[in-house]
Structure formats: C-alpha cells, structure tokens
Amino acid sequence: MAATWIPSMMRDLTGGLDRVQVPGGTIAEVIEALDRTYPGVKERLLVRGRLAPGLMATVDGKRALRGLEQPLDEGSEVRFLPRMAGG
C-alpha cells in the first residue's frame, strides 16, 4: 500500500482526509485506486491521460521522473504537488 498525501484542493473528495493508503505498483495504479474509493480524484489529477498542468508527483520525497509509470515500493509515499515556477 502506498501512503498518498491528498492536496488540499481535493480533500472535499476524501471527506477531509489529508492522507490515505491505497494499493498500486505505479503512480497510475495509485490514481486508479484513489478514484475507485474517492470518485472524481482522477478527473482532477489527470488531463488527457497525463498529470494536469501545474501538478507534479513525488515518490518518497523525490520527483517522479517516469511520470505515471513511476514504480513504487511497498510503503512508498506519494504526493501530488503544485509545480514551482521561478525566475
């Protein structure tokens, strides 16, 4: 099971929960599991099968360079965060 941190903008879908445990071997599988339990999550996270513009995923504190196909270990921590812009 992956510990998944829920962004504040999506907590209305999880009944206010900020962290949930869901099964999945990749980020894509975690999103599918989240959406089965909390309908609407997938729609907010993905656009045309990719993470929505302005979002990024991290696994165990590191940017998920393989995107939705990023593999997860048992007990991984997944976070969906707004991308940081700078100049």
N, C-alpha and C. Protein backbone atom coordinates (compact mmCIF):
# COMPACT_ATOMS: atom_id res chain seq x y z
N MET A 1 0.84 -1.19 0.00
CA MET A 1 0.00 0.00 0.00
C MET A 1 0.88 1.25 0.00
N ALA A 2 0.47 2.21 -0.76
CA ALA A 2 1.19 3.48 -0.82
C ALA A 2 0.46 4.51 0.06
N ALA A 3 1.22 5.20 0.86
CA ALA A 3 0.67 6.32 1.62
C ALA A 3 0.59 7.50 0.66
N THR A 4 -0.61 7.98 0.42
CA THR A 4 -0.81 9.04 -0.56
C THR A 4 -1.33 10.28 0.14
N TRP A 5 -0.60 11.38 -0.01
CA TRP A 5 -1.00 12.65 0.57
C TRP A 5 -1.95 13.33 -0.40
N ILE A 6 -3.06 13.79 0.11
CA ILE A 6 -4.11 14.40 -0.70
C ILE A 6 -3.95 15.92 -0.66
N PRO A 7 -3.81 16.55 -1.83
CA PRO A 7 -3.69 18.01 -1.86
C PRO A 7 -4.95 18.66 -1.27
N SER A 8 -4.79 19.80 -0.65
CA SER A 8 -5.93 20.47 0.00
C SER A 8 -7.07 20.73 -0.98
N MET A 9 -6.75 20.96 -2.25
CA MET A 9 -7.79 21.26 -3.25
C MET A 9 -8.65 20.03 -3.57
N MET A 10 -8.25 18.85 -3.08
CA MET A 10 -9.00 17.62 -3.37
C MET A 10 -9.59 16.97 -2.13
N ARG A 11 -9.41 17.55 -1.00
CA ARG A 11 -9.86 16.92 0.25
C ARG A 11 -11.38 16.89 0.38
N ASP A 12 -12.06 17.69 -0.42
CA ASP A 12 -13.53 17.60 -0.42
C ASP A 12 -13.97 16.23 -0.94
N LEU A 13 -13.15 15.59 -1.76
CA LEU A 13 -13.47 14.26 -2.30
C LEU A 13 -13.18 13.14 -1.30
N THR A 14 -12.29 13.39 -0.35
CA THR A 14 -11.89 12.36 0.61
C THR A 14 -12.49 12.58 1.99
N GLY A 15 -13.49 13.42 2.07
CA GLY A 15 -14.11 13.69 3.36
C GLY A 15 -13.18 14.42 4.31
N GLY A 16 -12.23 15.18 3.74
CA GLY A 16 -11.30 15.96 4.55
C GLY A 16 -10.00 15.24 4.88
N LEU A 17 -9.88 13.98 4.51
CA LEU A 17 -8.65 13.24 4.80
C LEU A 17 -7.48 13.84 4.02
N ASP A 18 -6.35 13.97 4.70
CA ASP A 18 -5.17 14.51 4.03
C ASP A 18 -4.18 13.42 3.63
N ARG A 19 -4.44 12.18 4.09
CA ARG A 19 -3.55 11.06 3.76
C ARG A 19 -4.39 9.79 3.74
N VAL A 20 -4.20 8.99 2.70
CA VAL A 20 -4.91 7.72 2.59
C VAL A 20 -3.94 6.63 2.13
N GLN A 21 -4.27 5.40 2.40
CA GLN A 21 -3.48 4.25 1.96
C GLN A 21 -4.22 3.59 0.81
N VAL A 22 -3.56 3.40 -0.31
CA VAL A 22 -4.16 2.72 -1.46
C VAL A 22 -3.13 1.79 -2.10
N PRO A 23 -3.60 0.71 -2.73
CA PRO A 23 -2.68 -0.19 -3.40
C PRO A 23 -2.24 0.38 -4.74
N GLY A 24 -1.08 -0.06 -5.20
CA GLY A 24 -0.61 0.32 -6.52
C GLY A 24 0.88 0.14 -6.66
N GLY A 25 1.29 -0.35 -7.81
CA GLY A 25 2.71 -0.54 -8.10
C GLY A 25 3.31 0.60 -8.89
N THR A 26 2.44 1.51 -9.39
CA THR A 26 2.89 2.71 -10.11
C THR A 26 1.98 3.87 -9.68
N ILE A 27 2.38 5.07 -10.04
CA ILE A 27 1.54 6.23 -9.74
C ILE A 27 0.19 6.10 -10.45
N ALA A 28 0.20 5.62 -11.69
CA ALA A 28 -1.06 5.44 -12.42
C ALA A 28 -2.00 4.50 -11.67
N GLU A 29 -1.47 3.41 -11.13
CA GLU A 29 -2.29 2.46 -10.38
C GLU A 29 -2.82 3.08 -9.09
N VAL A 30 -2.02 3.91 -8.45
CA VAL A 30 -2.47 4.61 -7.24
C VAL A 30 -3.62 5.55 -7.58
N ILE A 31 -3.51 6.27 -8.69
CA ILE A 31 -4.59 7.18 -9.09
C ILE A 31 -5.87 6.40 -9.36
N GLU A 32 -5.76 5.26 -10.04
CA GLU A 32 -6.94 4.42 -10.30
C GLU A 32 -7.57 3.96 -8.99
N ALA A 33 -6.75 3.52 -8.04
CA ALA A 33 -7.25 3.06 -6.75
C ALA A 33 -7.90 4.21 -5.98
N LEU A 34 -7.29 5.38 -6.03
CA LEU A 34 -7.88 6.55 -5.38
C LEU A 34 -9.25 6.86 -5.96
N ASP A 35 -9.35 6.80 -7.29
CA ASP A 35 -10.60 7.16 -7.95
C ASP A 35 -11.70 6.14 -7.67
N ARG A 36 -11.34 4.88 -7.49
CA ARG A 36 -12.35 3.87 -7.14
C ARG A 36 -12.94 4.16 -5.75
N THR A 37 -12.09 4.59 -4.84
CA THR A 37 -12.54 4.86 -3.47
C THR A 37 -13.12 6.26 -3.33
N TYR A 38 -12.52 7.21 -4.04
CA TYR A 38 -12.92 8.62 -3.96
C TYR A 38 -13.18 9.13 -5.38
N PRO A 39 -14.37 8.84 -5.93
CA PRO A 39 -14.66 9.25 -7.30
C PRO A 39 -14.43 10.74 -7.53
N GLY A 40 -13.80 11.04 -8.67
CA GLY A 40 -13.50 12.42 -9.02
C GLY A 40 -12.04 12.78 -8.89
N VAL A 41 -11.28 11.97 -8.15
CA VAL A 41 -9.85 12.25 -7.96
C VAL A 41 -9.11 12.21 -9.30
N LYS A 42 -9.36 11.18 -10.07
CA LYS A 42 -8.68 11.03 -11.36
C LYS A 42 -8.95 12.22 -12.27
N GLU A 43 -10.18 12.66 -12.29
CA GLU A 43 -10.57 13.79 -13.13
C GLU A 43 -9.82 15.07 -12.75
N ARG A 44 -9.52 15.23 -11.48
CA ARG A 44 -8.80 16.42 -11.04
C ARG A 44 -7.29 16.32 -11.22
N LEU A 45 -6.78 15.08 -11.18
CA LEU A 45 -5.33 14.90 -11.30
C LEU A 45 -4.85 14.81 -12.74
N LEU A 46 -5.68 14.25 -13.62
CA LEU A 46 -5.23 13.96 -14.98
C LEU A 46 -5.97 14.79 -16.04
N VAL A 47 -5.23 15.11 -17.09
CA VAL A 47 -5.79 15.73 -18.29
C VAL A 47 -5.23 14.95 -19.47
N ARG A 48 -6.12 14.36 -20.25
CA ARG A 48 -5.71 13.55 -21.41
C ARG A 48 -4.67 12.48 -21.04
N GLY A 49 -4.88 11.82 -19.92
CA GLY A 49 -4.01 10.73 -19.52
C GLY A 49 -2.67 11.12 -18.93
N ARG A 50 -2.49 12.40 -18.64
CA ARG A 50 -1.24 12.88 -18.02
C ARG A 50 -1.58 13.73 -16.80
N LEU A 51 -0.59 13.90 -15.93
CA LEU A 51 -0.82 14.79 -14.79
C LEU A 51 -1.23 16.16 -15.31
N ALA A 52 -2.19 16.75 -14.64
CA ALA A 52 -2.69 18.06 -15.04
C ALA A 52 -1.56 19.09 -15.06
N PRO A 53 -1.63 20.05 -15.97
CA PRO A 53 -0.62 21.10 -15.98
C PRO A 53 -0.57 21.78 -14.61
N GLY A 54 0.61 22.04 -14.17
CA GLY A 54 0.78 22.69 -12.87
C GLY A 54 0.93 21.71 -11.71
N LEU A 55 0.82 20.40 -11.99
CA LEU A 55 1.00 19.40 -10.95
C LEU A 55 2.23 18.56 -11.21
N MET A 56 2.81 18.08 -10.15
CA MET A 56 3.90 17.10 -10.26
C MET A 56 3.69 16.06 -9.17
N ALA A 57 4.28 14.91 -9.37
CA ALA A 57 4.19 13.84 -8.37
C ALA A 57 5.57 13.58 -7.80
N THR A 58 5.61 13.25 -6.52
CA THR A 58 6.85 12.83 -5.89
C THR A 58 6.62 11.47 -5.24
N VAL A 59 7.69 10.68 -5.19
CA VAL A 59 7.66 9.38 -4.54
C VAL A 59 8.82 9.37 -3.55
N ASP A 60 8.49 9.17 -2.31
CA ASP A 60 9.49 9.14 -1.24
C ASP A 60 10.38 10.39 -1.26
N GLY A 61 9.74 11.53 -1.51
CA GLY A 61 10.44 12.81 -1.46
C GLY A 61 11.21 13.19 -2.70
N LYS A 62 11.15 12.36 -3.75
CA LYS A 62 11.88 12.65 -4.99
C LYS A 62 10.89 12.77 -6.15
N ARG A 63 11.18 13.70 -7.04
CA ARG A 63 10.33 13.91 -8.21
C ARG A 63 10.20 12.61 -9.00
N ALA A 64 8.99 12.30 -9.42
CA ALA A 64 8.72 11.07 -10.18
C ALA A 64 9.09 11.32 -11.64
N LEU A 65 10.31 10.99 -12.00
CA LEU A 65 10.82 11.27 -13.34
C LEU A 65 10.15 10.43 -14.42
N ARG A 66 9.58 9.31 -14.06
CA ARG A 66 8.89 8.45 -15.04
C ARG A 66 7.40 8.74 -15.09
N GLY A 67 7.00 9.83 -14.48
CA GLY A 67 5.59 10.23 -14.53
C GLY A 67 4.68 9.18 -13.94
N LEU A 68 3.58 8.92 -14.63
CA LEU A 68 2.58 7.99 -14.13
C LEU A 68 3.09 6.56 -14.05
N GLU A 69 4.14 6.26 -14.78
CA GLU A 69 4.70 4.91 -14.76
C GLU A 69 5.79 4.74 -13.71
N GLN A 70 6.00 5.74 -12.87
CA GLN A 70 6.99 5.65 -11.82
C GLN A 70 6.66 4.47 -10.91
N PRO A 71 7.60 3.51 -10.77
CA PRO A 71 7.33 2.37 -9.90
C PRO A 71 7.36 2.77 -8.42
N LEU A 72 6.58 2.04 -7.64
CA LEU A 72 6.51 2.28 -6.20
C LEU A 72 6.95 1.03 -5.46
N ASP A 73 7.56 1.22 -4.32
CA ASP A 73 7.88 0.13 -3.42
C ASP A 73 6.74 -0.01 -2.42
N GLU A 74 6.66 -1.16 -1.78
CA GLU A 74 5.69 -1.33 -0.71
C GLU A 74 5.97 -0.28 0.35
N GLY A 75 4.97 0.49 0.72
CA GLY A 75 5.15 1.52 1.73
C GLY A 75 5.65 2.85 1.20
N SER A 76 5.72 3.02 -0.13
CA SER A 76 6.15 4.31 -0.69
C SER A 76 5.17 5.41 -0.29
N GLU A 77 5.68 6.62 -0.30
CA GLU A 77 4.86 7.80 -0.02
C GLU A 77 4.73 8.60 -1.31
N VAL A 78 3.49 8.83 -1.73
CA VAL A 78 3.21 9.55 -2.97
C VAL A 78 2.56 10.90 -2.60
N ARG A 79 3.04 11.94 -3.25
CA ARG A 79 2.45 13.26 -3.07
C ARG A 79 2.22 13.90 -4.43
N PHE A 80 1.11 14.61 -4.56
CA PHE A 80 0.80 15.40 -5.74
C PHE A 80 0.92 16.86 -5.33
N LEU A 81 1.83 17.56 -5.98
CA LEU A 81 2.15 18.94 -5.56
C LEU A 81 2.05 19.90 -6.73
N PRO A 82 1.77 21.19 -6.43
CA PRO A 82 1.83 22.18 -7.50
C PRO A 82 3.28 22.38 -7.92
N ARG A 83 3.48 22.50 -9.22
CA ARG A 83 4.84 22.77 -9.72
C ARG A 83 5.27 24.16 -9.26
N MET A 84 6.53 24.27 -8.96
CA MET A 84 7.09 25.56 -8.55
C MET A 84 7.64 26.26 -9.80
N ALA A 85 7.31 27.51 -9.92
CA ALA A 85 7.83 28.30 -11.02
C ALA A 85 8.76 29.36 -10.42
N GLY A 86 9.73 29.70 -11.17
CA GLY A 86 10.67 30.70 -10.66
C GLY A 86 11.33 31.44 -11.79
N GLY A 87 12.08 32.39 -11.40
CA GLY A 87 12.72 33.19 -12.43
C GLY A 87 14.13 33.52 -12.06
